[in-house]
PDB file of N, CA and C in Angstrom:
ATOM      1  N   UNK A   1     -75.561  18.877  45.767  1.00  0.00           N
ATOM      2  CA  UNK A   1     -74.980  18.348  44.228  1.00  0.00           C
ATOM      3  C   UNK A   1     -73.435  17.690  44.617  1.00  0.00           C
ATOM      4  N   UNK A   2     -73.487  16.436  44.171  1.00  0.00           N
ATOM      5  CA  UNK A   2     -72.210  15.833  44.329  1.00  0.00           C
ATOM      6  C   UNK A   2     -70.531  16.201  43.922  1.00  0.00           C
ATOM      7  N   UNK A   3     -69.798  15.830  44.590  1.00  0.00           N
ATOM      8  CA  UNK A   3     -68.401  16.541  44.230  1.00  0.00           C
ATOM      9  C   UNK A   3     -67.479  14.909  44.457  1.00  0.00           C
ATOM     10  N   UNK A   4     -66.656  14.745  43.239  1.00  0.00           N
ATOM     11  CA  UNK A   4     -65.945  13.659  43.620  1.00  0.00           C
ATOM     12  C   UNK A   4     -64.776  14.045  44.348  1.00  0.00           C
ATOM     13  N   UNK A   5     -64.971  13.843  45.904  1.00  0.00           N
ATOM     14  CA  UNK A   5     -63.528  14.144  46.620  1.00  0.00           C
ATOM     15  C   UNK A   5     -63.019  15.414  46.620  1.00  0.00           C
ATOM     16  N   UNK A   6     -61.867  15.643  46.100  1.00  0.00           N
ATOM     17  CA  UNK A   6     -61.302  16.898  45.920  1.00  0.00           C
ATOM     18  C   UNK A   6     -61.446  17.268  44.181  1.00  0.00           C
ATOM     19  N   UNK A   7     -62.106  16.798  43.612  1.00  0.00           N
ATOM     20  CA  UNK A   7     -62.224  17.099  42.323  1.00  0.00           C
ATOM     21  C   UNK A   7     -63.568  17.326  42.287  1.00  0.00           C
ATOM     22  N   UNK A   8     -63.619  19.023  41.846  1.00  0.00           N
ATOM     23  CA  UNK A   8     -65.060  19.939  41.443  1.00  0.00           C
ATOM     24  C   UNK A   8     -65.242  20.199  39.865  1.00  0.00           C
ATOM     25  N   UNK A   9     -64.398  19.678  38.909  1.00  0.00           N
ATOM     26  CA  UNK A   9     -64.512  19.964  37.818  1.00  0.00           C
ATOM     27  C   UNK A   9     -63.618  18.716  37.165  1.00  0.00           C
ATOM     28  N   UNK A  10     -64.151  18.485  35.788  1.00  0.00           N
ATOM     29  CA  UNK A  10     -63.233  16.979  35.039  1.00  0.00           C
ATOM     30  C   UNK A  10     -61.848  17.483  34.908  1.00  0.00           C
ATOM     31  N   UNK A  11     -61.546  18.608  34.996  1.00  0.00           N
ATOM     32  CA  UNK A  11     -59.860  19.026  34.809  1.00  0.00           C
ATOM     33  C   UNK A  11     -59.227  18.629  36.226  1.00  0.00           C
ATOM     34  N   UNK A  12     -59.842  18.550  37.167  1.00  0.00           N
ATOM     35  CA  UNK A  12     -59.627  18.170  38.758  1.00  0.00           C
ATOM     36  C   UNK A  12     -59.293  16.705  38.978  1.00  0.00           C
ATOM     37  N   UNK A  13     -60.208  16.076  38.025  1.00  0.00           N
ATOM     38  CA  UNK A  13     -60.177  14.209  38.520  1.00  0.00           C
ATOM     39  C   UNK A  13     -59.023  13.716  38.548  1.00  0.00           C
ATOM     40  N   UNK A  14     -58.605  13.057  39.139  1.00  0.00           N
ATOM     41  CA  UNK A  14     -57.645  12.561  39.631  1.00  0.00           C
ATOM     42  C   UNK A  14     -57.884  10.851  39.800  1.00  0.00           C
ATOM     43  N   UNK A  15     -56.693  10.109  39.387  1.00  0.00           N
ATOM     44  CA  UNK A  15     -57.227   8.208  39.370  1.00  0.00           C
ATOM     45  C   UNK A  15     -57.471   8.131  40.915  1.00  0.00           C
ATOM     46  N   UNK A  16     -56.817   8.503  41.916  1.00  0.00           N
ATOM     47  CA  UNK A  16     -57.310   8.166  43.189  1.00  0.00           C
ATOM     48  C   UNK A  16     -58.767   8.811  43.628  1.00  0.00           C
ATOM     49  N   UNK A  17     -58.983  10.167  43.048  1.00  0.00           N
ATOM     50  CA  UNK A  17     -60.387  10.448  43.670  1.00  0.00           C
ATOM     51  C   UNK A  17     -61.384   9.302  42.906  1.00  0.00           C
ATOM     52  N   UNK A  18     -61.430   8.870  41.605  1.00  0.00           N
ATOM     53  CA  UNK A  18     -61.933   8.134  40.757  1.00  0.00           C
ATOM     54  C   UNK A  18     -62.212   6.624  41.678  1.00  0.00           C
ATOM     55  N   UNK A  19     -60.966   6.078  41.876  1.00  0.00           N
ATOM     56  CA  UNK A  19     -60.937   5.128  42.649  1.00  0.00           C
ATOM     57  C   UNK A  19     -61.992   4.977  43.872  1.00  0.00           C
ATOM     58  N   UNK A  20     -61.475   6.030  44.687  1.00  0.00           N
ATOM     59  CA  UNK A  20     -62.518   6.476  46.112  1.00  0.00           C
ATOM     60  C   UNK A  20     -63.681   6.313  45.587  1.00  0.00           C
ATOM     61  N   UNK A  21     -64.314   7.086  44.967  1.00  0.00           N
ATOM     62  CA  UNK A  21     -65.721   7.445  44.404  1.00  0.00           C
ATOM     63  C   UNK A  21     -66.045   5.787  43.711  1.00  0.00           C
ATOM     64  N   UNK A  22     -65.228   5.218  42.984  1.00  0.00           N
ATOM     65  CA  UNK A  22     -65.897   3.736  42.505  1.00  0.00           C
ATOM     66  C   UNK A  22     -66.357   2.868  43.684  1.00  0.00           C
ATOM     67  N   UNK A  23     -65.445   3.079  44.741  1.00  0.00           N
ATOM     68  CA  UNK A  23     -65.640   1.752  45.938  1.00  0.00           C
ATOM     69  C   UNK A  23     -66.704   2.585  46.704  1.00  0.00           C
ATOM     70  N   UNK A  24     -66.786   3.889  46.697  1.00  0.00           N
ATOM     71  CA  UNK A  24     -68.080   4.515  47.379  1.00  0.00           C
ATOM     72  C   UNK A  24     -69.326   4.171  46.655  1.00  0.00           C
ATOM     73  N   UNK A  25     -69.386   4.197  45.281  1.00  0.00           N
ATOM     74  CA  UNK A  25     -70.553   3.535  44.813  1.00  0.00           C
ATOM     75  C   UNK A  25     -70.726   2.247  44.374  1.00  0.00           C
ATOM     76  N   UNK A  26     -69.907   1.320  44.437  1.00  0.00           N
ATOM     77  CA  UNK A  26     -70.257   0.067  45.047  1.00  0.00           C
ATOM     78  C   UNK A  26     -70.589  -0.094  46.267  1.00  0.00           C
ATOM     79  N   UNK A  27     -70.348   0.391  47.191  1.00  0.00           N
ATOM     80  CA  UNK A  27     -70.927   0.401  48.628  1.00  0.00           C
ATOM     81  C   UNK A  27     -72.200   0.902  48.298  1.00  0.00           C
ATOM     82  N   UNK A  28     -72.832   1.752  47.761  1.00  0.00           N
ATOM     83  CA  UNK A  28     -74.008   2.545  47.729  1.00  0.00           C
ATOM     84  C   UNK A  28     -75.065   1.780  46.826  1.00  0.00           C
ATOM     85  N   UNK A  29     -74.428   0.704  46.016  1.00  0.00           N
ATOM     86  CA  UNK A  29     -74.918  -0.160  44.962  1.00  0.00           C
ATOM     87  C   UNK A  29     -75.729  -1.376  46.043  1.00  0.00           C
ATOM     88  N   UNK A  30     -75.318  -1.867  47.138  1.00  0.00           N
ATOM     89  CA  UNK A  30     -75.598  -2.679  47.861  1.00  0.00           C
ATOM     90  C   UNK A  30     -77.095  -2.365  48.313  1.00  0.00           C
ATOM     91  N   UNK A  31     -77.964  -2.902  47.325  1.00  0.00           N
ATOM     92  CA  UNK A  31     -79.378  -2.091  47.700  1.00  0.00           C
ATOM     93  C   UNK A  31     -80.014  -3.290  48.418  1.00  0.00           C
ATOM     94  N   UNK A  32     -81.632  -2.864  48.913  1.00  0.00           N
ATOM     95  CA  UNK A  32     -82.087  -4.026  49.477  1.00  0.00           C
ATOM     96  C   UNK A  32     -82.712  -4.780  48.824  1.00  0.00           C
ATOM     97  N   UNK A  33     -82.251  -4.873  47.347  1.00  0.00           N
ATOM     98  CA  UNK A  33     -82.955  -5.651  46.462  1.00  0.00           C
ATOM     99  C   UNK A  33     -81.586  -6.312  45.311  1.00  0.00           C
ATOM    100  N   UNK A  34     -81.643  -7.772  45.387  1.00  0.00           N
ATOM    101  CA  UNK A  34     -80.635  -8.050  44.576  1.00  0.00           C
ATOM    102  C   UNK A  34     -80.891  -8.065  42.882  1.00  0.00           C
ATOM    103  N   UNK A  35     -82.045  -7.655  42.698  1.00  0.00           N
ATOM    104  CA  UNK A  35     -81.983  -6.980  41.043  1.00  0.00           C
ATOM    105  C   UNK A  35     -80.963  -5.894  40.667  1.00  0.00           C
ATOM    106  N   UNK A  36     -81.594  -4.987  41.333  1.00  0.00           N
ATOM    107  CA  UNK A  36     -80.880  -3.396  41.323  1.00  0.00           C
ATOM    108  C   UNK A  36     -79.116  -3.780  41.862  1.00  0.00           C
ATOM    109  N   UNK A  37     -79.096  -4.348  42.708  1.00  0.00           N
ATOM    110  CA  UNK A  37     -77.425  -4.690  43.138  1.00  0.00           C
ATOM    111  C   UNK A  37     -76.859  -5.042  41.840  1.00  0.00           C
ATOM    112  N   UNK A  38     -77.324  -5.883  41.171  1.00  0.00           N
ATOM    113  CA  UNK A  38     -76.607  -7.033  40.230  1.00  0.00           C
ATOM    114  C   UNK A  38     -76.459  -5.944  38.915  1.00  0.00           C
ATOM    115  N   UNK A  39     -77.465  -5.220  38.667  1.00  0.00           N
ATOM    116  CA  UNK A  39     -77.162  -4.299  37.508  1.00  0.00           C
ATOM    117  C   UNK A  39     -76.143  -3.238  37.839  1.00  0.00           C
ATOM    118  N   UNK A  40     -76.388  -2.527  38.729  1.00  0.00           N
ATOM    119  CA  UNK A  40     -75.505  -1.208  39.241  1.00  0.00           C
ATOM    120  C   UNK A  40     -73.960  -1.885  39.522  1.00  0.00           C
ATOM    121  N   UNK A  41     -73.787  -2.972  40.305  1.00  0.00           N
ATOM    122  CA  UNK A  41     -72.463  -3.318  40.415  1.00  0.00           C
ATOM    123  C   UNK A  41     -72.021  -3.652  39.253  1.00  0.00           C
ATOM    124  N   UNK A  42     -72.357  -4.438  38.062  1.00  0.00           N
ATOM    125  CA  UNK A  42     -71.926  -4.612  37.019  1.00  0.00           C
ATOM    126  C   UNK A  42     -71.574  -3.315  36.244  1.00  0.00           C
ATOM    127  N   UNK A  43     -72.325  -2.380  36.229  1.00  0.00           N
ATOM    128  CA  UNK A  43     -72.034  -1.285  35.216  1.00  0.00           C
ATOM    129  C   UNK A  43     -70.869  -0.549  36.131  1.00  0.00           C
ATOM    130  N   UNK A  44     -71.138  -0.480  37.228  1.00  0.00           N
ATOM    131  CA  UNK A  44     -69.536   0.291  37.902  1.00  0.00           C
ATOM    132  C   UNK A  44     -68.651  -0.524  37.532  1.00  0.00           C
ATOM    133  N   UNK A  45     -68.124  -1.697  38.040  1.00  0.00           N
ATOM    134  CA  UNK A  45     -67.078  -2.363  37.648  1.00  0.00           C
ATOM    135  C   UNK A  45     -66.838  -2.353  36.270  1.00  0.00           C
ATOM    136  N   UNK A  46     -67.574  -1.952  34.942  1.00  0.00           N
ATOM    137  CA  UNK A  46     -67.155  -2.176  33.773  1.00  0.00           C
ATOM    138  C   UNK A  46     -67.044  -0.803  33.389  1.00  0.00           C
ATOM    139  N   UNK A  47     -66.954   0.592  34.265  1.00  0.00           N
ATOM    140  CA  UNK A  47     -66.878   1.563  33.918  1.00  0.00           C
ATOM    141  C   UNK A  47     -65.277   1.691  33.442  1.00  0.00           C
ATOM    142  N   UNK A  48     -64.676   2.300  32.180  1.00  0.00           N
ATOM    143  CA  UNK A  48     -63.623   2.814  32.094  1.00  0.00           C
ATOM    144  C   UNK A  48     -62.566   3.602  32.897  1.00  0.00           C
ATOM    145  N   UNK A  49     -61.938   3.692  33.909  1.00  0.00           N
ATOM    146  CA  UNK A  49     -61.304   4.433  34.911  1.00  0.00           C
ATOM    147  C   UNK A  49     -59.714   4.647  34.037  1.00  0.00           C
ATOM    148  N   UNK A  50     -59.257   3.874  33.154  1.00  0.00           N
ATOM    149  CA  UNK A  50     -57.948   3.719  32.969  1.00  0.00           C
ATOM    150  C   UNK A  50     -57.525   5.389  32.294  1.00  0.00           C
ATOM    151  N   UNK A  51     -57.756   5.870  31.551  1.00  0.00           N
ATOM    152  CA  UNK A  51     -56.767   6.908  30.654  1.00  0.00           C
ATOM    153  C   UNK A  51     -57.536   8.162  31.705  1.00  0.00           C
ATOM    154  N   UNK A  52     -57.252   8.522  33.073  1.00  0.00           N
ATOM    155  CA  UNK A  52     -57.479   9.641  33.344  1.00  0.00           C
ATOM    156  C   UNK A  52     -56.470  10.961  33.257  1.00  0.00           C
ATOM    157  N   UNK A  53     -55.164  10.798  32.682  1.00  0.00           N
ATOM    158  CA  UNK A  53     -54.380  11.811  32.358  1.00  0.00           C
ATOM    159  C   UNK A  53     -53.752  11.753  30.800  1.00  0.00           C
ATOM    160  N   UNK A  54     -53.382  12.686  30.348  1.00  0.00           N
ATOM    161  CA  UNK A  54     -53.060  13.055  28.840  1.00  0.00           C
ATOM    162  C   UNK A  54     -52.176  11.958  28.448  1.00  0.00           C
ATOM    163  N   UNK A  55     -51.001  11.577  29.400  1.00  0.00           N
ATOM    164  CA  UNK A  55     -50.207  10.653  29.189  1.00  0.00           C
ATOM    165  C   UNK A  55     -50.361   9.228  29.106  1.00  0.00           C
ATOM    166  N   UNK A  56     -51.644   9.128  29.269  1.00  0.00           N
ATOM    167  CA  UNK A  56     -52.299   7.903  29.135  1.00  0.00           C
ATOM    168  C   UNK A  56     -52.892   7.387  27.473  1.00  0.00           C
ATOM    169  N   UNK A  57     -53.045   8.791  26.943  1.00  0.00           N
ATOM    170  CA  UNK A  57     -53.542   8.454  25.539  1.00  0.00           C
ATOM    171  C   UNK A  57     -52.971   9.259  24.643  1.00  0.00           C
ATOM    172  N   UNK A  58     -52.855   9.099  23.402  1.00  0.00           N
ATOM    173  CA  UNK A  58     -51.433   9.993  22.478  1.00  0.00           C
ATOM    174  C   UNK A  58     -52.107  11.097  21.909  1.00  0.00           C
ATOM    175  N   UNK A  59     -53.471  11.599  22.484  1.00  0.00           N
ATOM    176  CA  UNK A  59     -54.229  12.959  21.886  1.00  0.00           C
ATOM    177  C   UNK A  59     -54.888  13.320  23.492  1.00  0.00           C
ATOM    178  N   UNK A  60     -54.208  14.463  23.782  1.00  0.00           N
ATOM    179  CA  UNK A  60     -54.340  15.317  24.774  1.00  0.00           C
ATOM    180  C   UNK A  60     -55.899  15.306  24.720  1.00  0.00           C
ATOM    181  N   UNK A  61     -56.893  16.199  23.318  1.00  0.00           N
ATOM    182  CA  UNK A  61     -57.948  16.389  23.395  1.00  0.00           C
ATOM    183  C   UNK A  61     -59.063  14.919  23.918  1.00  0.00           C
ATOM    184  N   UNK A  62     -58.437  13.789  23.482  1.00  0.00           N
ATOM    185  CA  UNK A  62     -58.829  12.352  23.732  1.00  0.00           C
ATOM    186  C   UNK A  62     -59.194  12.216  25.299  1.00  0.00           C
ATOM    187  N   UNK A  63     -58.149  12.829  25.806  1.00  0.00           N
ATOM    188  CA  UNK A  63     -58.072  12.643  26.970  1.00  0.00           C
ATOM    189  C   UNK A  63     -58.966  13.278  28.053  1.00  0.00           C
ATOM    190  N   UNK A  64     -59.163  14.588  27.708  1.00  0.00           N
ATOM    191  CA  UNK A  64     -60.001  15.580  28.209  1.00  0.00           C
ATOM    192  C   UNK A  64     -61.534  15.074  28.048  1.00  0.00           C
ATOM    193  N   UNK A  65     -61.922  14.864  26.963  1.00  0.00           N
ATOM    194  CA  UNK A  65     -63.230  14.065  26.499  1.00  0.00           C
ATOM    195  C   UNK A  65     -63.276  13.055  27.183  1.00  0.00           C
ATOM    196  N   UNK A  66     -62.585  12.257  27.609  1.00  0.00           N
ATOM    197  CA  UNK A  66     -62.866  11.046  28.338  1.00  0.00           C
ATOM    198  C   UNK A  66     -62.811  11.617  29.910  1.00  0.00           C
ATOM    199  N   UNK A  67     -62.215  12.575  30.143  1.00  0.00           N
ATOM    200  CA  UNK A  67     -62.304  13.034  31.653  1.00  0.00           C
ATOM    201  C   UNK A  67     -63.927  13.815  31.684  1.00  0.00           C
ATOM    202  N   UNK A  68     -64.139  14.248  30.916  1.00  0.00           N
ATOM    203  CA  UNK A  68     -65.298  15.054  30.981  1.00  0.00           C
ATOM    204  C   UNK A  68     -66.295  14.227  31.083  1.00  0.00           C
ATOM    205  N   UNK A  69     -66.379  13.174  29.985  1.00  0.00           N
ATOM    206  CA  UNK A  69     -67.522  11.794  30.084  1.00  0.00           C
ATOM    207  C   UNK A  69     -67.726  11.302  31.212  1.00  0.00           C
ATOM    208  N   UNK A  70     -66.732  10.877  32.091  1.00  0.00           N
ATOM    209  CA  UNK A  70     -66.696  10.083  33.022  1.00  0.00           C
ATOM    210  C   UNK A  70     -67.081  10.886  34.055  1.00  0.00           C
ATOM    211  N   UNK A  71     -66.730  12.319  34.156  1.00  0.00           N
ATOM    212  CA  UNK A  71     -66.827  13.216  35.146  1.00  0.00           C
ATOM    213  C   UNK A  71     -68.664  13.164  35.168  1.00  0.00           C
ATOM    214  N   UNK A  72     -68.906  13.391  34.060  1.00  0.00           N
ATOM    215  CA  UNK A  72     -70.537  13.511  34.047  1.00  0.00           C
ATOM    216  C   UNK A  72     -70.981  12.060  34.350  1.00  0.00           C
ATOM    217  N   UNK A  73     -70.667  11.045  33.706  1.00  0.00           N
ATOM    218  CA  UNK A  73     -71.205   9.568  33.947  1.00  0.00           C
ATOM    219  C   UNK A  73     -71.230   9.504  35.680  1.00  0.00           C
ATOM    220  N   UNK A  74     -70.237   9.787  36.633  1.00  0.00           N
ATOM    221  CA  UNK A  74     -69.895   9.839  37.935  1.00  0.00           C
ATOM    222  C   UNK A  74     -71.037  10.251  38.594  1.00  0.00           C
ATOM    223  N   UNK A  75     -71.145  11.568  38.253  1.00  0.00           N
ATOM    224  CA  UNK A  75     -72.090  12.715  38.864  1.00  0.00           C
ATOM    225  C   UNK A  75     -73.567  11.989  38.294  1.00  0.00           C
ATOM    226  N   UNK A  76     -73.776  11.665  37.441  1.00  0.00           N
ATOM    227  CA  UNK A  76     -75.090  11.213  37.140  1.00  0.00           C
ATOM    228  C   UNK A  76     -75.455  10.121  38.236  1.00  0.00           C
ATOM    229  N   UNK A  77     -74.510   9.291  38.043  1.00  0.00           N
ATOM    230  CA  UNK A  77     -74.608   7.877  38.868  1.00  0.00           C
ATOM    231  C   UNK A  77     -74.686   8.286  40.083  1.00  0.00           C
ATOM    232  N   UNK A  78     -74.106   9.107  40.968  1.00  0.00           N
ATOM    233  CA  UNK A  78     -74.304   9.420  42.313  1.00  0.00           C
ATOM    234  C   UNK A  78     -75.699   9.947  42.700  1.00  0.00           C
ATOM    235  N   UNK A  79     -76.108  10.783  41.539  1.00  0.00           N
ATOM    236  CA  UNK A  79     -77.440  10.959  41.751  1.00  0.00           C
ATOM    237  C   UNK A  79     -78.500  10.000  41.564  1.00  0.00           C
ATOM    238  N   UNK A  80     -78.219   9.160  40.990  1.00  0.00           N
ATOM    239  CA  UNK A  80     -78.960   8.044  40.860  1.00  0.00           C
ATOM    240  C   UNK A  80     -79.027   7.165  41.884  1.00  0.00           C
ATOM    241  N   UNK A  81     -77.719   6.752  42.232  1.00  0.00           N
ATOM    242  CA  UNK A  81     -77.767   6.256  43.620  1.00  0.00           C
ATOM    243  C   UNK A  81     -78.499   6.707  44.661  1.00  0.00           C
ATOM    244  N   UNK A  82     -78.794   8.052  44.839  1.00  0.00           N
ATOM    245  CA  UNK A  82     -79.254   8.590  46.159  1.00  0.00           C
ATOM    246  C   UNK A  82     -80.951   8.553  45.947  1.00  0.00           C
ATOM    247  N   UNK A  83     -81.457   7.699  44.731  1.00  0.00           N
ATOM    248  CA  UNK A  83     -82.912   7.344  45.050  1.00  0.00           C
ATOM    249  C   UNK A  83     -83.193   6.320  45.753  1.00  0.00           C
ATOM    250  N   UNK A  84     -84.513   6.442  46.112  1.00  0.00           N
ATOM    251  CA  UNK A  84     -85.130   5.198  46.713  1.00  0.00           C
ATOM    252  C   UNK A  84     -85.009   3.891  46.165  1.00  0.00           C
ATOM    253  N   UNK A  85     -84.879   2.545  46.861  1.00  0.00           N
ATOM    254  CA  UNK A  85     -84.505   1.518  46.652  1.00  0.00           C
ATOM    255  C   UNK A  85     -85.897   1.116  45.505  1.00  0.00           C
ATOM    256  N   UNK A  86     -86.967   1.697  45.888  1.00  0.00           N
ATOM    257  CA  UNK A  86     -88.194   1.074  44.918  1.00  0.00           C
ATOM    258  C   UNK A  86     -88.215   2.065  43.681  1.00  0.00           C
ATOM    259  N   UNK A  87     -87.769   3.141  43.678  1.00  0.00           N
ATOM    260  CA  UNK A  87     -87.997   3.640  42.293  1.00  0.00           C
ATOM    261  C   UNK A  87     -86.729   3.253  41.514  1.00  0.00           C
ATOM    262  N   UNK A  88     -85.529   3.083  41.963  1.00  0.00           N
ATOM    263  CA  UNK A  88     -84.403   2.267  41.142  1.00  0.00           C
ATOM    264  C   UNK A  88     -84.683   1.204  40.636  1.00  0.00           C
ATOM    265  N   UNK A  89     -85.551   0.117  41.362  1.00  0.00           N
ATOM    266  CA  UNK A  89     -85.847  -1.328  40.874  1.00  0.00           C
ATOM    267  C   UNK A  89     -86.877  -1.098  39.822  1.00  0.00           C
ATOM    268  N   UNK A  90     -88.042  -0.118  40.176  1.00  0.00           N
ATOM    269  CA  UNK A  90     -88.992   0.191  39.194  1.00  0.00           C
ATOM    270  C   UNK A  90     -88.103   0.375  37.578  1.00  0.00           C
ATOM    271  N   UNK A  91     -87.453   1.590  37.779  1.00  0.00           N
ATOM    272  CA  UNK A  91     -86.737   2.034  36.617  1.00  0.00           C
ATOM    273  C   UNK A  91     -85.755   1.166  35.764  1.00  0.00           C
ATOM    274  N   UNK A  92     -84.941   0.469  36.762  1.00  0.00           N
ATOM    275  CA  UNK A  92     -84.244  -0.639  36.075  1.00  0.00           C
ATOM    276  C   UNK A  92     -84.968  -1.908  35.025  1.00  0.00           C
ATOM    277  N   UNK A  93     -86.046  -2.346  35.852  1.00  0.00           N
ATOM    278  CA  UNK A  93     -86.177  -3.299  35.273  1.00  0.00           C
ATOM    279  C   UNK A  93     -87.537  -3.019  34.478  1.00  0.00           C
ATOM    280  N   UNK A  94     -88.075  -2.137  34.314  1.00  0.00           N
ATOM    281  CA  UNK A  94     -88.766  -1.326  33.039  1.00  0.00           C
ATOM    282  C   UNK A  94     -88.359  -1.707  31.256  1.00  0.00           C
ATOM    283  N   UNK A  95     -89.015  -2.040  30.667  1.00  0.00           N
ATOM    284  CA  UNK A  95     -88.900  -2.158  29.446  1.00  0.00           C
ATOM    285  C   UNK A  95     -88.394  -0.739  29.181  1.00  0.00           C
ATOM    286  N   UNK A  96     -87.777  -0.682  27.716  1.00  0.00           N
ATOM    287  CA  UNK A  96     -87.710   0.757  27.533  1.00  0.00           C
ATOM    288  C   UNK A  96     -88.904   1.384  27.037  1.00  0.00           C
ATOM    289  N   UNK A  97     -89.760   0.575  26.452  1.00  0.00           N
ATOM    290  CA  UNK A  97     -91.067   0.910  25.919  1.00  0.00           C
ATOM    291  C   UNK A  97     -91.975   1.567  27.193  1.00  0.00           C
ATOM    292  N   UNK A  98     -91.777   1.080  28.296  1.00  0.00           N
ATOM    293  CA  UNK A  98     -92.458   1.608  29.391  1.00  0.00           C
ATOM    294  C   UNK A  98     -91.750   2.528  30.127  1.00  0.00           C
ATOM    295  N   UNK A  99     -90.630   3.138  29.681  1.00  0.00           N
ATOM    296  CA  UNK A  99     -89.689   3.913  30.694  1.00  0.00           C
ATOM    297  C   UNK A  99     -89.954   5.308  30.774  1.00  0.00           C
ATOM    298  N   UNK A 100     -91.105   5.574  30.313  1.00  0.00           N
ATOM    299  CA  UNK A 100     -91.457   7.248  30.531  1.00  0.00           C
ATOM    300  C   UNK A 100     -91.835   7.582  31.572  1.00  0.00           C
ATOM    301  N   UNK A 101     -91.686   6.971  32.854  1.00  0.00           N
ATOM    302  CA  UNK A 101     -91.881   7.373  34.281  1.00  0.00           C
ATOM    303  C   UNK A 101     -90.650   7.718  34.660  1.00  0.00           C
ATOM    304  N   UNK A 102     -89.522   7.213  33.702  1.00  0.00           N
ATOM    305  CA  UNK A 102     -88.203   7.416  34.179  1.00  0.00           C
ATOM    306  C   UNK A 102     -87.747   8.687  33.988  1.00  0.00           C
ATOM    307  N   UNK A 103     -87.290   9.203  35.435  1.00  0.00           N
ATOM    308  CA  UNK A 103     -86.655  10.838  35.151  1.00  0.00           C
ATOM    309  C   UNK A 103     -85.834  10.690  33.668  1.00  0.00           C
ATOM    310  N   UNK A 104     -86.109  11.786  33.161  1.00  0.00           N
ATOM    311  CA  UNK A 104     -85.502  12.372  31.578  1.00  0.00           C
ATOM    312  C   UNK A 104     -83.985  12.449  32.146  1.00  0.00           C
ATOM    313  N   UNK A 105     -83.412  12.886  33.199  1.00  0.00           N
ATOM    314  CA  UNK A 105     -81.846  12.861  33.290  1.00  0.00           C
ATOM    315  C   UNK A 105     -81.396  11.474  33.362  1.00  0.00           C
ATOM    316  N   UNK A 106     -82.012  10.388  33.827  1.00  0.00           N
ATOM    317  CA  UNK A 106     -81.467   9.023  34.139  1.00  0.00           C
ATOM    318  C   UNK A 106     -81.751   8.488  32.826  1.00  0.00           C
ATOM    319  N   UNK A 107     -82.549   8.198  32.078  1.00  0.00           N
ATOM    320  CA  UNK A 107     -83.263   7.627  30.896  1.00  0.00           C
ATOM    321  C   UNK A 107     -81.911   7.047  30.285  1.00  0.00           C
ATOM    322  N   UNK A 108     -80.912   7.653  29.533  1.00  0.00           N
ATOM    323  CA  UNK A 108     -80.059   7.235  28.915  1.00  0.00           C
ATOM    324  C   UNK A 108     -78.993   6.132  29.701  1.00  0.00           C
ATOM    325  N   UNK A 109     -78.616   7.010  31.184  1.00  0.00           N
ATOM    326  CA  UNK A 109     -77.811   6.427  31.923  1.00  0.00           C
ATOM    327  C   UNK A 109     -78.253   4.819  32.296  1.00  0.00           C
ATOM    328  N   UNK A 110     -79.691   4.628  32.687  1.00  0.00           N
ATOM    329  CA  UNK A 110     -80.167   3.323  32.776  1.00  0.00           C
ATOM    330  C   UNK A 110     -80.266   2.452  31.948  1.00  0.00           C
ATOM    331  N   UNK A 111     -80.415   3.035  30.636  1.00  0.00           N
ATOM    332  CA  UNK A 111     -80.318   2.440  29.479  1.00  0.00           C
ATOM    333  C   UNK A 111     -79.173   1.761  29.300  1.00  0.00           C
ATOM    334  N   UNK A 112     -78.266   2.338  29.727  1.00  0.00           N
ATOM    335  CA  UNK A 112     -76.660   1.795  29.314  1.00  0.00           C
ATOM    336  C   UNK A 112     -76.425   0.699  30.203  1.00  0.00           C
ATOM    337  N   UNK A 113     -76.730   1.053  31.532  1.00  0.00           N
ATOM    338  CA  UNK A 113     -76.816   0.259  33.075  1.00  0.00           C
ATOM    339  C   UNK A 113     -77.346  -1.327  32.339  1.00  0.00           C
ATOM    340  N   UNK A 114     -78.797  -0.841  31.735  1.00  0.00           N
ATOM    341  CA  UNK A 114     -79.384  -2.645  31.371  1.00  0.00           C
ATOM    342  C   UNK A 114     -78.512  -3.162  30.116  1.00  0.00           C
ATOM    343  N   UNK A 115     -78.037  -2.333  29.286  1.00  0.00           N
ATOM    344  CA  UNK A 115     -77.467  -2.831  28.323  1.00  0.00           C
ATOM    345  C   UNK A 115     -76.131  -3.518  28.397  1.00  0.00           C
ATOM    346  N   UNK A 116     -75.159  -2.862  29.764  1.00  0.00           N
ATOM    347  CA  UNK A 116     -74.249  -3.330  30.188  1.00  0.00           C
ATOM    348  C   UNK A 116     -74.357  -5.053  30.513  1.00  0.00           C
ATOM    349  N   UNK A 117     -75.492  -5.026  31.754  1.00  0.00           N
ATOM    350  CA  UNK A 117     -75.650  -6.438  32.180  1.00  0.00           C
ATOM    351  C   UNK A 117     -76.231  -6.904  31.137  1.00  0.00           C
ATOM    352  N   UNK A 118     -77.167  -6.824  30.283  1.00  0.00           N
ATOM    353  CA  UNK A 118     -77.313  -7.856  29.092  1.00  0.00           C
ATOM    354  C   UNK A 118     -76.140  -7.965  28.060  1.00  0.00           C
ATOM    355  N   UNK A 119     -75.059  -7.600  27.888  1.00  0.00           N
ATOM    356  CA  UNK A 119     -74.408  -8.089  27.406  1.00  0.00           C
ATOM    357  C   UNK A 119     -73.085  -8.593  28.068  1.00  0.00           C
ATOM    358  N   UNK A 120     -73.113  -8.956  29.399  1.00  0.00           N
ATOM    359  CA  UNK A 120     -72.261  -9.601  30.277  1.00  0.00           C
ATOM    360  C   UNK A 120     -72.910 -10.729  30.437  1.00  0.00           C
ATOM    361  N   UNK A 121     -74.174 -11.338  30.750  1.00  0.00           N
ATOM    362  CA  UNK A 121     -74.915 -12.406  30.808  1.00  0.00           C
ATOM    363  C   UNK A 121     -75.152 -12.831  29.628  1.00  0.00           C
ATOM    364  N   UNK A 122     -75.059 -12.429  28.291  1.00  0.00           N
ATOM    365  CA  UNK A 122     -75.206 -13.109  26.969  1.00  0.00           C
ATOM    366  C   UNK A 122     -74.080 -13.288  26.343  1.00  0.00           C
ATOM    367  N   UNK A 123     -72.296 -12.804  27.241  1.00  0.00           N
ATOM    368  CA  UNK A 123     -71.308 -13.014  26.518  1.00  0.00           C
ATOM    369  C   UNK A 123     -71.300 -14.550  26.877  1.00  0.00           C
ATOM    370  N   UNK A 124     -70.039 -15.265  26.206  1.00  0.00           N
ATOM    371  CA  UNK A 124     -69.803 -17.004  26.654  1.00  0.00           C
ATOM    372  C   UNK A 124     -68.809 -16.955  27.564  1.00  0.00           C
TER     373      UNK A 124
END
């Protein structure tokens, strides 16, 4: 299983650990095909990494919820990036109606990656 450098739980998530992991994931997104790379890099660059401490948000519960969500997303994304180029390309480019062979744990993340890319290319 993956760990975020020194962070083994959302409570230990630091800005430095997340930034180091973001850079690592950008490197791991450099795949053997341009299509996967474009989708993955756009998603990683779009991740909201800013409110990692309670001092950045007025409500400490909101900050903790963000940390939990970010930790879960980064962990799942790291696992996704460990998959083969062929599997990633197939899963990322399938239409949502034909995504039944995408592993269940990745379905929501892959849909989010697709929607993120679609919104970027359709924006003026």
